[in-house]
C-alpha atoms as a PDB file:
ATOM      1  CA  UNK A   1      39.795 150.848  42.977  1.00  0.00           C
ATOM      2  CA  UNK A   2      37.353 153.277  44.458  1.00  0.00           C
ATOM      3  CA  UNK A   3      38.253 155.808  47.016  1.00  0.00           C
ATOM      4  CA  UNK A   4      36.027 154.124  49.689  1.00  0.00           C
ATOM      5  CA  UNK A   5      38.093 151.055  48.938  1.00  0.00           C
ATOM      6  CA  UNK A   6      41.533 152.346  49.429  1.00  0.00           C
ATOM      7  CA  UNK A   7      40.561 154.341  52.490  1.00  0.00           C
ATOM      8  CA  UNK A   8      39.255 151.400  54.108  1.00  0.00           C
ATOM      9  CA  UNK A   9      42.318 149.454  53.115  1.00  0.00           C
ATOM     10  CA  UNK A  10      44.120 151.396  56.115  1.00  0.00           C
ATOM     11  CA  UNK A  11      42.474 150.888  59.394  1.00  0.00           C
ATOM     12  CA  UNK A  12      42.883 153.419  62.235  1.00  0.00           C
ATOM     13  CA  UNK A  13      44.906 150.649  64.141  1.00  0.00           C
ATOM     14  CA  UNK A  14      47.275 150.260  61.043  1.00  0.00           C
ATOM     15  CA  UNK A  15      47.576 154.036  60.860  1.00  0.00           C
ATOM     16  CA  UNK A  16      48.458 154.563  64.444  1.00  0.00           C
ATOM     17  CA  UNK A  17      51.129 151.670  64.394  1.00  0.00           C
ATOM     18  CA  UNK A  18      52.712 153.031  61.465  1.00  0.00           C
ATOM     19  CA  UNK A  19      53.537 156.277  63.172  1.00  0.00           C
ATOM     20  CA  UNK A  20      53.915 154.939  66.799  1.00  0.00           C
ATOM     21  CA  UNK A  21      57.483 156.222  66.891  1.00  0.00           C
ATOM     22  CA  UNK A  22      56.471 159.724  66.373  1.00  0.00           C
ATOM     23  CA  UNK A  23      56.771 162.223  69.255  1.00  0.00           C
ATOM     24  CA  UNK A  24      53.736 163.561  71.153  1.00  0.00           C
ATOM     25  CA  UNK A  25      54.877 167.021  70.539  1.00  0.00           C
ATOM     26  CA  UNK A  26      57.498 169.205  68.984  1.00  0.00           C
ATOM     27  CA  UNK A  27      58.311 169.070  65.183  1.00  0.00           C
ATOM     28  CA  UNK A  28      58.737 166.214  62.782  1.00  0.00           C
ATOM     29  CA  UNK A  29      60.415 166.513  59.334  1.00  0.00           C
ATOM     30  CA  UNK A  30      58.968 164.176  56.601  1.00  0.00           C
ATOM     31  CA  UNK A  31      61.510 163.595  53.905  1.00  0.00           C
ATOM     32  CA  UNK A  32      59.445 163.491  50.456  1.00  0.00           C
ATOM     33  CA  UNK A  33      61.333 162.851  47.336  1.00  0.00           C
ATOM     34  CA  UNK A  34      58.275 163.059  45.126  1.00  0.00           C
ATOM     35  CA  UNK A  35      57.946 159.370  44.347  1.00  0.00           C
ATOM     36  CA  UNK A  36      54.912 157.249  44.961  1.00  0.00           C
ATOM     37  CA  UNK A  37      56.198 155.772  48.416  1.00  0.00           C
ATOM     38  CA  UNK A  38      57.156 159.027  50.093  1.00  0.00           C
ATOM     39  CA  UNK A  39      54.337 161.006  48.965  1.00  0.00           C
ATOM     40  CA  UNK A  40      51.982 158.771  50.106  1.00  0.00           C
ATOM     41  CA  UNK A  41      53.673 158.556  53.315  1.00  0.00           C
ATOM     42  CA  UNK A  42      53.369 162.274  53.684  1.00  0.00           C
ATOM     43  CA  UNK A  43      49.476 162.107  52.939  1.00  0.00           C
ATOM     44  CA  UNK A  44      49.065 159.191  55.422  1.00  0.00           C
ATOM     45  CA  UNK A  45      51.120 161.034  57.942  1.00  0.00           C
ATOM     46  CA  UNK A  46      48.835 164.124  57.736  1.00  0.00           C
ATOM     47  CA  UNK A  47      45.761 161.692  57.961  1.00  0.00           C
ATOM     48  CA  UNK A  48      47.107 160.397  61.266  1.00  0.00           C
ATOM     49  CA  UNK A  49      47.903 164.067  62.681  1.00  0.00           C
ATOM     50  CA  UNK A  50      44.226 165.398  61.791  1.00  0.00           C
ATOM     51  CA  UNK A  51      42.865 162.434  63.908  1.00  0.00           C
ATOM     52  CA  UNK A  52      44.705 163.669  66.853  1.00  0.00           C
ATOM     53  CA  UNK A  53      43.814 166.204  69.159  1.00  0.00           C
ATOM     54  CA  UNK A  54      47.417 166.863  70.103  1.00  0.00           C
ATOM     55  CA  UNK A  55      50.713 165.919  68.266  1.00  0.00           C
ATOM     56  CA  UNK A  56      53.847 167.247  66.605  1.00  0.00           C
ATOM     57  CA  UNK A  57      54.032 169.730  63.970  1.00  0.00           C
ATOM     58  CA  UNK A  58      54.522 167.868  60.362  1.00  0.00           C
ATOM     59  CA  UNK A  59      56.972 169.758  58.012  1.00  0.00           C
ATOM     60  CA  UNK A  60      57.662 168.264  54.501  1.00  0.00           C
ATOM     61  CA  UNK A  61      61.124 168.660  53.069  1.00  0.00           C
ATOM     62  CA  UNK A  62      62.374 167.853  49.609  1.00  0.00           C
ATOM     63  CA  UNK A  63      65.828 167.648  48.666  1.00  0.00           C
ATOM     64  CA  UNK A  64      66.807 168.819  45.208  1.00  0.00           C
ATOM     65  CA  UNK A  65      70.100 167.375  44.452  1.00  0.00           C
ATOM     66  CA  UNK A  66      70.478 169.170  41.121  1.00  0.00           C
ATOM     67  CA  UNK A  67      71.399 166.110  39.276  1.00  0.00           C
ATOM     68  CA  UNK A  68      68.573 165.989  36.716  1.00  0.00           C
ATOM     69  CA  UNK A  69      66.966 168.760  34.579  1.00  0.00           C
ATOM     70  CA  UNK A  70      63.434 167.843  36.213  1.00  0.00           C
ATOM     71  CA  UNK A  71      64.292 167.803  39.891  1.00  0.00           C
ATOM     72  CA  UNK A  72      63.492 171.475  40.523  1.00  0.00           C
ATOM     73  CA  UNK A  73      59.719 170.894  39.109  1.00  0.00           C
ATOM     74  CA  UNK A  74      59.470 167.704  41.142  1.00  0.00           C
ATOM     75  CA  UNK A  75      60.455 169.502  44.390  1.00  0.00           C
ATOM     76  CA  UNK A  76      57.916 172.070  43.412  1.00  0.00           C
ATOM     77  CA  UNK A  77      55.159 169.711  42.782  1.00  0.00           C
ATOM     78  CA  UNK A  78      55.648 168.164  46.121  1.00  0.00           C
ATOM     79  CA  UNK A  79      55.516 171.533  47.724  1.00  0.00           C
ATOM     80  CA  UNK A  80      52.071 172.162  45.906  1.00  0.00           C
ATOM     81  CA  UNK A  81      50.679 168.912  47.353  1.00  0.00           C
ATOM     82  CA  UNK A  82      51.956 169.763  50.886  1.00  0.00           C
ATOM     83  CA  UNK A  83      50.282 173.108  50.739  1.00  0.00           C
ATOM     84  CA  UNK A  84      47.042 171.359  50.037  1.00  0.00           C
ATOM     85  CA  UNK A  85      47.566 169.224  52.678  1.00  0.00           C
ATOM     86  CA  UNK A  86      47.957 172.107  55.031  1.00  0.00           C
ATOM     87  CA  UNK A  87      51.646 171.187  55.589  1.00  0.00           C
ATOM     88  CA  UNK A  88      54.693 173.435  55.628  1.00  0.00           C
ATOM     89  CA  UNK A  89      57.374 172.604  52.822  1.00  0.00           C
ATOM     90  CA  UNK A  90      60.844 173.176  52.544  1.00  0.00           C
ATOM     91  CA  UNK A  91      63.218 172.571  49.382  1.00  0.00           C
ATOM     92  CA  UNK A  92      66.567 172.112  50.369  1.00  0.00           C
ATOM     93  CA  UNK A  93      69.419 172.512  47.785  1.00  0.00           C
ATOM     94  CA  UNK A  94      72.582 170.481  47.345  1.00  0.00           C
ATOM     95  CA  UNK A  95      74.978 173.176  46.293  1.00  0.00           C
ATOM     96  CA  UNK A  96      78.503 173.011  45.349  1.00  0.00           C
ATOM     97  CA  UNK A  97      80.812 170.611  43.253  1.00  0.00           C
ATOM     98  CA  UNK A  98      79.362 167.287  42.532  1.00  0.00           C
ATOM     99  CA  UNK A  99      81.722 164.331  42.583  1.00  0.00           C
ATOM    100  CA  UNK A 100      82.333 162.701  39.075  1.00  0.00           C
ATOM    101  CA  UNK A 101      82.217 159.105  40.726  1.00  0.00           C
ATOM    102  CA  UNK A 102      80.250 157.810  43.504  1.00  0.00           C
ATOM    103  CA  UNK A 103      77.412 160.219  42.844  1.00  0.00           C
ATOM    104  CA  UNK A 104      74.902 158.085  44.478  1.00  0.00           C
ATOM    105  CA  UNK A 105      76.583 157.588  47.706  1.00  0.00           C
ATOM    106  CA  UNK A 106      77.670 161.423  47.964  1.00  0.00           C
ATOM    107  CA  UNK A 107      73.741 162.347  47.406  1.00  0.00           C
ATOM    108  CA  UNK A 108      72.862 160.206  50.073  1.00  0.00           C
ATOM    109  CA  UNK A 109      75.120 161.738  52.497  1.00  0.00           C
ATOM    110  CA  UNK A 110      74.213 165.209  51.364  1.00  0.00           C
ATOM    111  CA  UNK A 111      70.430 164.211  51.745  1.00  0.00           C
ATOM    112  CA  UNK A 112      70.669 163.059  55.411  1.00  0.00           C
ATOM    113  CA  UNK A 113      73.105 166.112  56.217  1.00  0.00           C
ATOM    114  CA  UNK A 114      70.396 168.670  54.737  1.00  0.00           C
ATOM    115  CA  UNK A 115      67.597 167.063  56.170  1.00  0.00           C
ATOM    116  CA  UNK A 116      69.383 166.834  59.565  1.00  0.00           C
ATOM    117  CA  UNK A 117      70.461 170.430  59.562  1.00  0.00           C
ATOM    118  CA  UNK A 118      66.647 171.613  58.747  1.00  0.00           C
ATOM    119  CA  UNK A 119      66.091 170.641  62.577  1.00  0.00           C
ATOM    120  CA  UNK A 120      65.390 173.475  64.800  1.00  0.00           C
ATOM    121  CA  UNK A 121      66.089 174.423  68.515  1.00  0.00           C
ATOM    122  CA  UNK A 122      66.174 171.216  70.768  1.00  0.00           C
ATOM    123  CA  UNK A 123      66.348 168.732  67.706  1.00  0.00           C
ATOM    124  CA  UNK A 124      69.789 170.116  66.819  1.00  0.00           C
ATOM    125  CA  UNK A 125      71.224 168.081  69.786  1.00  0.00           C
ATOM    126  CA  UNK A 126      69.627 164.905  68.198  1.00  0.00           C
ATOM    127  CA  UNK A 127      71.108 165.033  64.857  1.00  0.00           C
ATOM    128  CA  UNK A 128      72.657 161.545  65.069  1.00  0.00           C
ATOM    129  CA  UNK A 129      69.526 160.002  65.948  1.00  0.00           C
ATOM    130  CA  UNK A 130      67.834 162.091  63.128  1.00  0.00           C
ATOM    131  CA  UNK A 131      70.206 160.758  60.493  1.00  0.00           C
ATOM    132  CA  UNK A 132      69.579 157.317  61.738  1.00  0.00           C
ATOM    133  CA  UNK A 133      65.851 157.639  61.728  1.00  0.00           C
ATOM    134  CA  UNK A 134      66.189 158.863  57.999  1.00  0.00           C
ATOM    135  CA  UNK A 135      67.009 155.202  57.041  1.00  0.00           C
ATOM    136  CA  UNK A 136      63.432 154.235  57.755  1.00  0.00           C
ATOM    137  CA  UNK A 137      61.630 150.904  58.387  1.00  0.00           C
ATOM    138  CA  UNK A 138      59.238 150.532  55.787  1.00  0.00           C
ATOM    139  CA  UNK A 139      58.041 147.113  54.725  1.00  0.00           C
ATOM    140  CA  UNK A 140      56.520 145.577  51.780  1.00  0.00           C
ATOM    141  CA  UNK A 141      52.963 145.683  53.262  1.00  0.00           C
ATOM    142  CA  UNK A 142      53.562 149.455  54.173  1.00  0.00           C
ATOM    143  CA  UNK A 143      54.484 150.104  50.529  1.00  0.00           C
ATOM    144  CA  UNK A 144      51.200 148.305  49.489  1.00  0.00           C
ATOM    145  CA  UNK A 145      49.136 150.443  51.668  1.00  0.00           C
ATOM    146  CA  UNK A 146      50.940 153.499  50.594  1.00  0.00           C
ATOM    147  CA  UNK A 147      50.210 152.568  47.017  1.00  0.00           C
ATOM    148  CA  UNK A 148      46.660 152.448  47.718  1.00  0.00           C
ATOM    149  CA  UNK A 149      46.659 155.818  49.354  1.00  0.00           C
ATOM    150  CA  UNK A 150      48.363 157.302  46.665  1.00  0.00           C
ATOM    151  CA  UNK A 151      45.778 156.019  44.090  1.00  0.00           C
ATOM    152  CA  UNK A 152      43.052 157.775  46.272  1.00  0.00           C
ATOM    153  CA  UNK A 153      44.965 160.941  46.194  1.00  0.00           C
ATOM    154  CA  UNK A 154      45.478 160.767  42.407  1.00  0.00           C
ATOM    155  CA  UNK A 155      41.656 160.261  42.009  1.00  0.00           C
ATOM    156  CA  UNK A 156      40.646 163.106  44.167  1.00  0.00           C
ATOM    157  CA  UNK A 157      43.252 165.485  42.354  1.00  0.00           C
ATOM    158  CA  UNK A 158      41.493 164.356  39.107  1.00  0.00           C
ATOM    159  CA  UNK A 159      38.047 165.197  40.385  1.00  0.00           C
ATOM    160  CA  UNK A 160      39.257 168.484  41.569  1.00  0.00           C
ATOM    161  CA  UNK A 161      40.682 169.575  38.401  1.00  0.00           C
ATOM    162  CA  UNK A 162      37.497 168.301  36.601  1.00  0.00           C
ATOM    163  CA  UNK A 163      35.339 170.306  39.007  1.00  0.00           C
ATOM    164  CA  UNK A 164      37.624 173.528  38.653  1.00  0.00           C
ATOM    165  CA  UNK A 165      37.321 173.083  34.651  1.00  0.00           C
ATOM    166  CA  UNK A 166      33.423 172.632  35.041  1.00  0.00           C
ATOM    167  CA  UNK A 167      33.162 175.725  37.352  1.00  0.00           C
ATOM    168  CA  UNK A 168      35.231 178.030  34.927  1.00  0.00           C
ATOM    169  CA  UNK A 169      32.674 176.886  32.023  1.00  0.00           C
ATOM    170  CA  UNK A 170      29.554 177.683  33.922  1.00  0.00           C
ATOM    171  CA  UNK A 171      30.557 180.606  36.030  1.00  0.00           C
ATOM    172  CA  UNK A 172      28.456 183.814  35.277  1.00  0.00           C
ATOM    173  CA  UNK A 173      30.004 186.743  34.152  1.00  0.00           C
ATOM    174  CA  UNK A 174      29.307 188.787  37.437  1.00  0.00           C
ATOM    175  CA  UNK A 175      31.338 186.098  39.239  1.00  0.00           C
ATOM    176  CA  UNK A 176      34.104 186.137  36.588  1.00  0.00           C
ATOM    177  CA  UNK A 177      34.426 190.021  36.956  1.00  0.00           C
ATOM    178  CA  UNK A 178      34.341 189.623  40.843  1.00  0.00           C
ATOM    179  CA  UNK A 179      37.053 187.108  40.727  1.00  0.00           C
ATOM    180  CA  UNK A 180      39.205 189.372  38.824  1.00  0.00           C
ATOM    181  CA  UNK A 181      38.857 192.102  41.310  1.00  0.00           C
ATOM    182  CA  UNK A 182      39.343 189.824  44.395  1.00  0.00           C
ATOM    183  CA  UNK A 183      42.523 188.256  43.326  1.00  0.00           C
ATOM    184  CA  UNK A 184      44.233 191.633  43.269  1.00  0.00           C
ATOM    185  CA  UNK A 185      44.235 191.294  47.218  1.00  0.00           C
ATOM    186  CA  UNK A 186      47.475 189.971  48.486  1.00  0.00           C
ATOM    187  CA  UNK A 187      47.159 186.157  49.775  1.00  0.00           C
ATOM    188  CA  UNK A 188      43.903 185.625  47.531  1.00  0.00           C
ATOM    189  CA  UNK A 189      44.163 183.253  44.279  1.00  0.00           C
ATOM    190  CA  UNK A 190      41.584 182.150  42.106  1.00  0.00           C
ATOM    191  CA  UNK A 191      40.624 179.055  44.052  1.00  0.00           C
ATOM    192  CA  UNK A 192      40.346 181.111  47.285  1.00  0.00           C
ATOM    193  CA  UNK A 193      38.452 183.808  45.533  1.00  0.00           C
ATOM    194  CA  UNK A 194      36.053 181.405  44.111  1.00  0.00           C
ATOM    195  CA  UNK A 195      35.499 179.767  47.769  1.00  0.00           C
ATOM    196  CA  UNK A 196      34.870 183.297  49.114  1.00  0.00           C
ATOM    197  CA  UNK A 197      32.410 184.328  46.511  1.00  0.00           C
ATOM    198  CA  UNK A 198      30.467 181.127  46.647  1.00  0.00           C
ATOM    199  CA  UNK A 199      29.743 182.075  50.467  1.00  0.00           C
ATOM    200  CA  UNK A 200      29.144 185.764  50.065  1.00  0.00           C
ATOM    201  CA  UNK A 201      27.953 186.286  46.732  1.00  0.00           C
ATOM    202  CA  UNK A 202      28.898 189.027  44.402  1.00  0.00           C
ATOM    203  CA  UNK A 203      25.994 191.558  45.493  1.00  0.00           C
ATOM    204  CA  UNK A 204      27.300 193.658  48.522  1.00  0.00           C
ATOM    205  CA  UNK A 205      24.015 195.531  48.719  1.00  0.00           C
ATOM    206  CA  UNK A 206      22.577 192.813  50.860  1.00  0.00           C
ATOM    207  CA  UNK A 207      25.008 193.992  53.704  1.00  0.00           C
ATOM    208  CA  UNK A 208      24.470 197.611  54.896  1.00  0.00           C
ATOM    209  CA  UNK A 209      28.133 197.794  55.812  1.00  0.00           C
ATOM    210  CA  UNK A 210      31.420 195.936  55.914  1.00  0.00           C
ATOM    211  CA  UNK A 211      30.547 195.313  59.631  1.00  0.00           C
ATOM    212  CA  UNK A 212      27.383 193.539  58.959  1.00  0.00           C
ATOM    213  CA  UNK A 213      29.134 191.191  56.578  1.00  0.00           C
ATOM    214  CA  UNK A 214      31.980 190.397  59.107  1.00  0.00           C
ATOM    215  CA  UNK A 215      29.286 189.706  61.671  1.00  0.00           C
ATOM    216  CA  UNK A 216      27.227 187.428  59.534  1.00  0.00           C
ATOM    217  CA  UNK A 217      30.542 185.508  58.538  1.00  0.00           C
ATOM    218  CA  UNK A 218      31.654 185.214  62.184  1.00  0.00           C
ATOM    219  CA  UNK A 219      34.964 187.072  61.487  1.00  0.00           C
ATOM    220  CA  UNK A 220      34.604 189.601  64.430  1.00  0.00           C
ATOM    221  CA  UNK A 221      34.499 189.334  68.380  1.00  0.00           C
ATOM    222  CA  UNK A 222      31.327 188.633  70.186  1.00  0.00           C
ATOM    223  CA  UNK A 223      29.614 191.557  72.192  1.00  0.00           C
ATOM    224  CA  UNK A 224      29.978 190.551  75.850  1.00  0.00           C
ATOM    225  CA  UNK A 225      29.169 192.901  78.437  1.00  0.00           C
ATOM    226  CA  UNK A 226      28.618 192.691  81.962  1.00  0.00           C
ATOM    227  CA  UNK A 227      27.929 195.494  84.560  1.00  0.00           C
ATOM    228  CA  UNK A 228      28.590 198.107  82.006  1.00  0.00           C
ATOM    229  CA  UNK A 229      32.132 196.761  81.302  1.00  0.00           C
ATOM    230  CA  UNK A 230      32.876 195.370  77.737  1.00  0.00           C
ATOM    231  CA  UNK A 231      34.944 192.013  78.063  1.00  0.00           C
ATOM    232  CA  UNK A 232      36.855 190.358  75.260  1.00  0.00           C
ATOM    233  CA  UNK A 233      34.205 188.007  73.436  1.00  0.00           C
ATOM    234  CA  UNK A 234      34.923 185.260  71.168  1.00  0.00           C
ATOM    235  CA  UNK A 235      34.237 185.166  67.782  1.00  0.00           C
ATOM    236  CA  UNK A 236      30.745 184.155  66.642  1.00  0.00           C
ATOM    237  CA  UNK A 237      30.214 180.766  64.745  1.00  0.00           C
ATOM    238  CA  UNK A 238      29.144 182.398  61.611  1.00  0.00           C
ATOM    239  CA  UNK A 239      29.878 180.672  58.103  1.00  0.00           C
ATOM    240  CA  UNK A 240      32.361 178.073  59.038  1.00  0.00           C
ATOM    241  CA  UNK A 241      33.604 177.537  55.458  1.00  0.00           C
ATOM    242  CA  UNK A 242      34.101 181.279  54.703  1.00  0.00           C
ATOM    243  CA  UNK A 243      35.913 181.465  58.293  1.00  0.00           C
ATOM    244  CA  UNK A 244      38.310 178.659  57.421  1.00  0.00           C
ATOM    245  CA  UNK A 245      38.909 180.152  53.866  1.00  0.00           C
ATOM    246  CA  UNK A 246      39.542 183.586  55.362  1.00  0.00           C
ATOM    247  CA  UNK A 247      42.162 182.508  57.867  1.00  0.00           C
ATOM    248  CA  UNK A 248      43.938 180.421  55.080  1.00  0.00           C
ATOM    249  CA  UNK A 249      44.256 183.631  53.049  1.00  0.00           C
ATOM    250  CA  UNK A 250      45.342 185.746  55.973  1.00  0.00           C
ATOM    251  CA  UNK A 251      48.067 183.408  56.461  1.00  0.00           C
ATOM    252  CA  UNK A 252      49.054 183.754  52.925  1.00  0.00           C
ATOM    253  CA  UNK A 253      48.942 187.382  53.195  1.00  0.00           C
ATOM    254  CA  UNK A 254      50.984 187.645  56.273  1.00  0.00           C
ATOM    255  CA  UNK A 255      53.831 186.269  54.277  1.00  0.00           C
ATOM    256  CA  UNK A 256      53.779 188.675  51.529  1.00  0.00           C
ATOM    257  CA  UNK A 257      56.583 191.290  51.225  1.00  0.00           C
ATOM    258  CA  UNK A 258      56.071 194.939  51.620  1.00  0.00           C
ATOM    259  CA  UNK A 259      52.370 195.032  51.988  1.00  0.00           C
ATOM    260  CA  UNK A 260      49.952 196.462  54.438  1.00  0.00           C
ATOM    261  CA  UNK A 261      48.441 193.214  55.339  1.00  0.00           C
ATOM    262  CA  UNK A 262      51.729 191.683  56.193  1.00  0.00           C
ATOM    263  CA  UNK A 263      52.729 194.805  58.351  1.00  0.00           C
ATOM    264  CA  UNK A 264      49.332 194.521  60.192  1.00  0.00           C
ATOM    265  CA  UNK A 265      49.886 190.994  60.949  1.00  0.00           C
ATOM    266  CA  UNK A 266      53.335 191.593  62.388  1.00  0.00           C
ATOM    267  CA  UNK A 267      52.068 194.471  64.423  1.00  0.00           C
ATOM    268  CA  UNK A 268      48.996 192.408  65.865  1.00  0.00           C
ATOM    269  CA  UNK A 269      50.846 189.080  66.269  1.00  0.00           C
ATOM    270  CA  UNK A 270      53.310 190.650  68.951  1.00  0.00           C
ATOM    271  CA  UNK A 271      50.676 191.850  70.908  1.00  0.00           C
ATOM    272  CA  UNK A 272      47.655 189.368  70.407  1.00  0.00           C
ATOM    273  CA  UNK A 273      49.492 186.137  69.497  1.00  0.00           C
ATOM    274  CA  UNK A 274      49.668 184.548  66.121  1.00  0.00           C
ATOM    275  CA  UNK A 275      46.092 182.923  66.276  1.00  0.00           C
ATOM    276  CA  UNK A 276      44.308 186.006  66.960  1.00  0.00           C
ATOM    277  CA  UNK A 277      46.262 188.189  64.615  1.00  0.00           C
ATOM    278  CA  UNK A 278      45.145 185.766  61.777  1.00  0.00           C
ATOM    279  CA  UNK A 279      41.541 186.141  62.701  1.00  0.00           C
ATOM    280  CA  UNK A 280      41.962 189.968  62.958  1.00  0.00           C
ATOM    281  CA  UNK A 281      43.616 190.046  59.490  1.00  0.00           C
ATOM    282  CA  UNK A 282      41.028 187.804  58.056  1.00  0.00           C
ATOM    283  CA  UNK A 283      38.571 190.434  59.255  1.00  0.00           C
ATOM    284  CA  UNK A 284      40.526 193.185  57.738  1.00  0.00           C
ATOM    285  CA  UNK A 285      40.574 191.177  54.359  1.00  0.00           C
ATOM    286  CA  UNK A 286      37.002 190.484  54.419  1.00  0.00           C
ATOM    287  CA  UNK A 287      36.322 194.219  54.755  1.00  0.00           C
ATOM    288  CA  UNK A 288      38.473 194.961  51.876  1.00  0.00           C
ATOM    289  CA  UNK A 289      36.635 192.478  49.804  1.00  0.00           C
ATOM    290  CA  UNK A 290      33.574 194.221  50.521  1.00  0.00           C
ATOM    291  CA  UNK A 291      34.606 197.532  49.341  1.00  0.00           C
ATOM    292  CA  UNK A 292      36.078 195.986  46.450  1.00  0.00           C
ATOM    293  CA  UNK A 293      32.928 194.636  45.192  1.00  0.00           C
ATOM    294  CA  UNK A 294      30.880 197.440  46.531  1.00  0.00           C
ATOM    295  CA  UNK A 295      32.851 199.815  44.242  1.00  0.00           C
ATOM    296  CA  UNK A 296      33.841 197.566  41.684  1.00  0.00           C
ATOM    297  CA  UNK A 297      37.405 198.657  41.827  1.00  0.00           C
ATOM    298  CA  UNK A 298      40.770 196.561  42.279  1.00  0.00           C
ATOM    299  CA  UNK A 299      42.478 196.572  45.681  1.00  0.00           C
ATOM    300  CA  UNK A 300      44.987 199.576  45.980  1.00  0.00           C
ATOM    301  CA  UNK A 301      48.335 198.682  48.016  1.00  0.00           C
ATOM    302  CA  UNK A 302      48.746 201.089  50.963  1.00  0.00           C
ATOM    303  CA  UNK A 303      52.381 199.938  51.656  1.00  0.00           C
ATOM    304  CA  UNK A 304      54.165 198.135  54.375  1.00  0.00           C
ATOM    305  CA  UNK A 305      54.828 201.690  56.088  1.00  0.00           C
ATOM    306  CA  UNK A 306      51.308 202.753  55.926  1.00  0.00           C
ATOM    307  CA  UNK A 307      50.577 202.387  59.830  1.00  0.00           C
ATOM    308  CA  UNK A 308      53.846 204.186  60.510  1.00  0.00           C
ATOM    309  CA  UNK A 309      52.897 207.175  58.094  1.00  0.00           C
ATOM    310  CA  UNK A 310      49.142 207.285  59.303  1.00  0.00           C
ATOM    311  CA  UNK A 311      50.017 207.420  63.297  1.00  0.00           C
ATOM    312  CA  UNK A 312      53.221 209.152  63.495  1.00  0.00           C
ATOM    313  CA  UNK A 313      52.709 210.442  67.196  1.00  0.00           C
ATOM    314  CA  UNK A 314      51.688 206.792  68.309  1.00  0.00           C
ATOM    315  CA  UNK A 315      54.849 205.251  66.735  1.00  0.00           C
ATOM    316  CA  UNK A 316      56.830 208.007  68.355  1.00  0.00           C
ATOM    317  CA  UNK A 317      55.611 207.347  71.729  1.00  0.00           C
ATOM    318  CA  UNK A 318      55.701 203.680  71.537  1.00  0.00           C
ATOM    319  CA  UNK A 319      59.614 203.906  70.689  1.00  0.00           C
ATOM    320  CA  UNK A 320      60.335 206.308  73.608  1.00  0.00           C
ATOM    321  CA  UNK A 321      58.672 203.933  75.882  1.00  0.00           C
ATOM    322  CA  UNK A 322      60.652 201.130  74.703  1.00  0.00           C
ATOM    323  CA  UNK A 323      63.885 203.273  75.022  1.00  0.00           C
ATOM    324  CA  UNK A 324      63.099 204.183  78.553  1.00  0.00           C
ATOM    325  CA  UNK A 325      62.393 200.639  79.538  1.00  0.00           C
ATOM    326  CA  UNK A 326      66.052 199.987  78.433  1.00  0.00           C
ATOM    327  CA  UNK A 327      67.312 202.554  80.814  1.00  0.00           C
ATOM    328  CA  UNK A 328      67.701 205.351  78.485  1.00  0.00           C
ATOM    329  CA  UNK A 329      66.890 209.121  79.014  1.00  0.00           C
ATOM    330  CA  UNK A 330      65.168 210.409  75.787  1.00  0.00           C
ATOM    331  CA  UNK A 331      64.834 213.876  74.711  1.00  0.00           C
ATOM    332  CA  UNK A 332      63.321 214.590  71.322  1.00  0.00           C
ATOM    333  CA  UNK A 333      64.337 217.539  69.352  1.00  0.00           C
ATOM    334  CA  UNK A 334      63.087 218.345  65.852  1.00  0.00           C
ATOM    335  CA  UNK A 335      65.834 218.156  63.205  1.00  0.00           C
ATOM    336  CA  UNK A 336      66.705 221.078  60.976  1.00  0.00           C
ATOM    337  CA  UNK A 337      65.594 221.038  57.483  1.00  0.00           C
ATOM    338  CA  UNK A 338      68.495 220.349  55.069  1.00  0.00           C
ATOM    339  CA  UNK A 339      69.777 223.498  53.460  1.00  0.00           C
END
């Protein structure tokens, strides 16, 4: 069956009816075991969410019961697919001693408990309803539609793998070298590096400065002035494909440990919000890419404490202000050097 046939098998009306019980906002946890039904249901739920301007946050969760040798690999595969779809994924482990008899019943109870405990904030008050909802109401017709959708996902993944192999086979040497350099930057893998270089190219001489590259891509604020005063300007349109990739890379970099980029994200997110911080971090990553390609050198990690080491006076003044707002009187005295 072709992709068009499988996509047409599920109408927009059927899609809306399948998830009519989903709340208009908040958080919805999708229990995905890795089987055909639950995997296709995850893909279908994400398709439903993308068609809506507003809706709940979808989070995929897989319970690893630890009863089979391949259960960990299956949970990891679900996580990879969820991230491709743009979903958050959680792997829940059933730890502790397993019973010798009645394993299936005990695993079912543990699965419901782990999924219910994954709920956050207001959902914790609805744990009994969550446990009941996890039983599901998937009919035979739903399974038929889900199998069609899973065939579509399998076909698309096959095409992606074949295209990736073809790209590697025909990639010119300058691009191979550039990818090797760019992947040294936190948050960038080979796929992201290929997408970025497909838009920017490998010759940075076409851009006089890193600022020119950022302006061309649309990863910088607009120039909005009135009456001699500069106002906050929105980012320009630029290259939509490059912008999307850089924001995804920025999100990945913000979750790295002990890196300069993660520290910069946390510093900006507290003042400007998470979305603006991701755009700013994407701008920084694009500048790093410019100099890495311009100088043909790999990325050098500055460390998570670089901003503190670089501007100690500013950090000191900020900490003093925070203590004063808490009602403390602050007197700074230099410590004596150790004997």
